[in-house]
Amino acid sequence: GVYLLSASKNRGKLAYFAGINKARFRKPVVPGDQLITRVKVLNLRSSTGKVQAASSVDGKIVAEAEFLFSLVKR
């Protein structure tokens, strides 16, 4: 949501969490682990979007999900 809000056409809008699909938690993450999250935009319309996120520790995926969000005016 933060990346999409930086676009000039979306300035002044808020991103609201709308849902989650295909969430999988594969391995535990413990204090001291460096968690890297990569996000890919799957679908983006004027006011809604879907992204796929995968988090990894030491190059191994520990969690993944698809997030739905809605962009609204403040």
N, C-alpha and C. Protein backbone atom coordinates (compact mmCIF):
# COMPACT_ATOMS: atom_id res chain seq x y z
N GLY A 1 0.79 -1.19 0.00
CA GLY A 1 0.00 0.00 0.00
C GLY A 1 0.85 1.26 0.00
N VAL A 2 1.95 1.27 0.76
CA VAL A 2 2.79 2.47 0.87
C VAL A 2 3.38 2.84 -0.49
N TYR A 3 3.87 1.86 -1.22
CA TYR A 3 4.45 2.10 -2.55
C TYR A 3 3.40 2.71 -3.48
N LEU A 4 2.20 2.16 -3.47
CA LEU A 4 1.15 2.65 -4.36
C LEU A 4 0.68 4.05 -3.97
N LEU A 5 0.74 4.37 -2.69
CA LEU A 5 0.33 5.70 -2.23
C LEU A 5 1.31 6.78 -2.65
N SER A 6 2.53 6.39 -3.02
CA SER A 6 3.52 7.38 -3.43
C SER A 6 3.28 7.90 -4.85
N ALA A 7 2.46 7.21 -5.64
CA ALA A 7 2.12 7.69 -6.99
C ALA A 7 1.33 8.99 -6.88
N SER A 8 1.60 9.93 -7.78
CA SER A 8 0.97 11.25 -7.69
C SER A 8 -0.56 11.18 -7.71
N LYS A 9 -1.13 10.25 -8.48
CA LYS A 9 -2.60 10.16 -8.54
C LYS A 9 -3.22 9.64 -7.25
N ASN A 10 -2.40 9.02 -6.38
CA ASN A 10 -2.91 8.46 -5.13
C ASN A 10 -2.55 9.29 -3.90
N ARG A 11 -1.88 10.41 -4.09
CA ARG A 11 -1.51 11.25 -2.95
C ARG A 11 -2.77 11.75 -2.26
N GLY A 12 -2.75 11.73 -0.95
CA GLY A 12 -3.90 12.17 -0.17
C GLY A 12 -4.90 11.07 0.09
N LYS A 13 -4.61 9.86 -0.36
CA LYS A 13 -5.52 8.74 -0.13
C LYS A 13 -4.96 7.85 0.99
N LEU A 14 -5.83 7.02 1.53
CA LEU A 14 -5.44 6.04 2.55
C LEU A 14 -5.64 4.65 1.99
N ALA A 15 -4.78 3.71 2.39
CA ALA A 15 -4.93 2.32 2.00
C ALA A 15 -5.56 1.56 3.16
N TYR A 16 -6.71 0.96 2.91
CA TYR A 16 -7.40 0.15 3.92
C TYR A 16 -7.26 -1.32 3.58
N PHE A 17 -6.91 -2.11 4.57
CA PHE A 17 -6.82 -3.55 4.42
C PHE A 17 -8.22 -4.10 4.17
N ALA A 18 -8.38 -4.90 3.11
CA ALA A 18 -9.70 -5.41 2.75
C ALA A 18 -9.81 -6.93 2.87
N GLY A 19 -8.68 -7.63 2.89
CA GLY A 19 -8.77 -9.08 3.00
C GLY A 19 -7.44 -9.76 2.78
N ILE A 20 -7.42 -11.06 3.05
CA ILE A 20 -6.21 -11.86 2.87
C ILE A 20 -6.61 -13.22 2.32
N ASN A 21 -5.84 -13.69 1.36
CA ASN A 21 -6.08 -15.00 0.75
C ASN A 21 -4.77 -15.79 0.72
N LYS A 22 -4.91 -17.09 0.67
CA LYS A 22 -3.77 -18.00 0.48
C LYS A 22 -2.64 -17.75 1.47
N ALA A 23 -2.98 -17.46 2.72
CA ALA A 23 -1.96 -17.22 3.75
C ALA A 23 -1.36 -18.55 4.19
N ARG A 24 -0.04 -18.60 4.20
CA ARG A 24 0.68 -19.80 4.64
C ARG A 24 1.86 -19.38 5.51
N PHE A 25 1.94 -19.96 6.68
CA PHE A 25 3.05 -19.73 7.59
C PHE A 25 3.85 -21.03 7.62
N ARG A 26 5.01 -21.03 6.99
CA ARG A 26 5.75 -22.27 6.75
C ARG A 26 6.75 -22.62 7.85
N LYS A 27 7.39 -21.63 8.43
CA LYS A 27 8.39 -21.87 9.47
C LYS A 27 8.33 -20.75 10.50
N PRO A 28 8.70 -21.04 11.73
CA PRO A 28 8.69 -19.97 12.75
C PRO A 28 9.82 -18.96 12.51
N VAL A 29 9.57 -17.74 12.93
CA VAL A 29 10.56 -16.68 12.90
C VAL A 29 10.84 -16.31 14.35
N VAL A 30 12.11 -16.22 14.70
CA VAL A 30 12.47 -15.96 16.10
C VAL A 30 13.23 -14.64 16.20
N PRO A 31 13.27 -14.04 17.40
CA PRO A 31 14.03 -12.80 17.57
C PRO A 31 15.46 -12.97 17.08
N GLY A 32 15.94 -11.98 16.36
CA GLY A 32 17.28 -12.02 15.79
C GLY A 32 17.30 -12.40 14.32
N ASP A 33 16.23 -13.04 13.83
CA ASP A 33 16.13 -13.37 12.40
C ASP A 33 15.95 -12.08 11.60
N GLN A 34 16.53 -12.04 10.40
CA GLN A 34 16.30 -10.92 9.50
C GLN A 34 15.23 -11.34 8.51
N LEU A 35 14.07 -10.71 8.62
CA LEU A 35 12.91 -11.04 7.79
C LEU A 35 12.88 -10.10 6.58
N ILE A 36 12.97 -10.69 5.39
CA ILE A 36 12.92 -9.92 4.14
C ILE A 36 11.58 -10.20 3.48
N THR A 37 10.82 -9.15 3.16
CA THR A 37 9.52 -9.31 2.52
C THR A 37 9.55 -8.69 1.14
N ARG A 38 9.14 -9.47 0.16
CA ARG A 38 9.05 -9.00 -1.23
C ARG A 38 7.58 -8.99 -1.62
N VAL A 39 7.17 -7.92 -2.30
CA VAL A 39 5.77 -7.75 -2.66
C VAL A 39 5.66 -7.53 -4.17
N LYS A 40 4.69 -8.21 -4.77
CA LYS A 40 4.44 -8.08 -6.21
C LYS A 40 2.99 -7.64 -6.41
N VAL A 41 2.78 -6.60 -7.21
CA VAL A 41 1.42 -6.13 -7.50
C VAL A 41 0.80 -7.09 -8.52
N LEU A 42 -0.33 -7.70 -8.15
CA LEU A 42 -1.03 -8.62 -9.04
C LEU A 42 -2.11 -7.92 -9.85
N ASN A 43 -2.81 -7.00 -9.22
CA ASN A 43 -3.93 -6.33 -9.87
C ASN A 43 -4.10 -4.96 -9.23
N LEU A 44 -4.30 -3.95 -10.05
CA LEU A 44 -4.50 -2.61 -9.52
C LEU A 44 -5.53 -1.89 -10.38
N ARG A 45 -6.59 -1.47 -9.73
CA ARG A 45 -7.63 -0.67 -10.39
C ARG A 45 -7.63 0.69 -9.74
N SER A 46 -8.57 1.52 -10.10
CA SER A 46 -8.57 2.89 -9.59
C SER A 46 -8.62 2.97 -8.07
N SER A 47 -9.38 2.09 -7.43
CA SER A 47 -9.50 2.20 -5.97
C SER A 47 -9.27 0.90 -5.22
N THR A 48 -8.95 -0.19 -5.91
CA THR A 48 -8.69 -1.46 -5.23
C THR A 48 -7.45 -2.12 -5.82
N GLY A 49 -6.88 -3.03 -5.05
CA GLY A 49 -5.71 -3.72 -5.54
C GLY A 49 -5.48 -5.03 -4.82
N LYS A 50 -4.61 -5.84 -5.42
CA LYS A 50 -4.22 -7.12 -4.83
C LYS A 50 -2.71 -7.27 -5.00
N VAL A 51 -2.04 -7.65 -3.91
CA VAL A 51 -0.60 -7.89 -3.96
C VAL A 51 -0.30 -9.28 -3.41
N GLN A 52 0.82 -9.82 -3.86
CA GLN A 52 1.31 -11.10 -3.35
C GLN A 52 2.58 -10.80 -2.57
N ALA A 53 2.66 -11.29 -1.35
CA ALA A 53 3.82 -11.04 -0.51
C ALA A 53 4.43 -12.36 -0.06
N ALA A 54 5.76 -12.39 -0.03
CA ALA A 54 6.48 -13.56 0.47
C ALA A 54 7.59 -13.07 1.38
N SER A 55 7.67 -13.63 2.57
CA SER A 55 8.70 -13.26 3.54
C SER A 55 9.68 -14.41 3.69
N SER A 56 10.97 -14.07 3.77
CA SER A 56 11.99 -15.12 3.87
C SER A 56 13.00 -14.79 4.96
N VAL A 57 13.63 -15.84 5.47
CA VAL A 57 14.73 -15.75 6.42
C VAL A 57 15.83 -16.64 5.87
N ASP A 58 17.02 -16.09 5.71
CA ASP A 58 18.16 -16.84 5.15
C ASP A 58 17.83 -17.47 3.80
N GLY A 59 17.06 -16.76 2.98
CA GLY A 59 16.73 -17.23 1.64
C GLY A 59 15.64 -18.28 1.57
N LYS A 60 15.06 -18.64 2.70
CA LYS A 60 13.98 -19.64 2.73
C LYS A 60 12.66 -18.96 3.06
N ILE A 61 11.63 -19.24 2.26
CA ILE A 61 10.32 -18.62 2.49
C ILE A 61 9.72 -19.14 3.80
N VAL A 62 9.32 -18.21 4.66
CA VAL A 62 8.73 -18.58 5.95
C VAL A 62 7.24 -18.24 6.01
N ALA A 63 6.79 -17.32 5.13
CA ALA A 63 5.37 -16.95 5.10
C ALA A 63 5.05 -16.33 3.74
N GLU A 64 3.80 -16.53 3.30
CA GLU A 64 3.36 -15.92 2.05
C GLU A 64 1.85 -15.73 2.09
N ALA A 65 1.37 -14.75 1.33
CA ALA A 65 -0.07 -14.46 1.29
C ALA A 65 -0.38 -13.48 0.17
N GLU A 66 -1.67 -13.39 -0.16
CA GLU A 66 -2.17 -12.36 -1.05
C GLU A 66 -3.00 -11.40 -0.20
N PHE A 67 -2.77 -10.11 -0.37
CA PHE A 67 -3.48 -9.08 0.39
C PHE A 67 -4.35 -8.25 -0.55
N LEU A 68 -5.55 -7.96 -0.11
CA LEU A 68 -6.47 -7.09 -0.84
C LEU A 68 -6.56 -5.77 -0.09
N PHE A 69 -6.62 -4.67 -0.83
CA PHE A 69 -6.74 -3.38 -0.17
C PHE A 69 -7.58 -2.44 -1.02
N SER A 70 -8.03 -1.39 -0.38
CA SER A 70 -8.85 -0.38 -1.04
C SER A 70 -8.23 0.99 -0.76
N LEU A 71 -8.14 1.82 -1.80
CA LEU A 71 -7.64 3.18 -1.64
C LEU A 71 -8.83 4.13 -1.57
N VAL A 72 -8.86 4.96 -0.52
CA VAL A 72 -9.97 5.90 -0.33
C VAL A 72 -9.43 7.30 -0.04
N LYS A 73 -10.23 8.30 -0.38
CA LYS A 73 -9.85 9.68 -0.09
C LYS A 73 -9.91 9.92 1.40
N ARG A 74 -9.04 10.78 1.89
CA ARG A 74 -9.03 11.11 3.32
C ARG A 74 -10.23 11.93 3.68
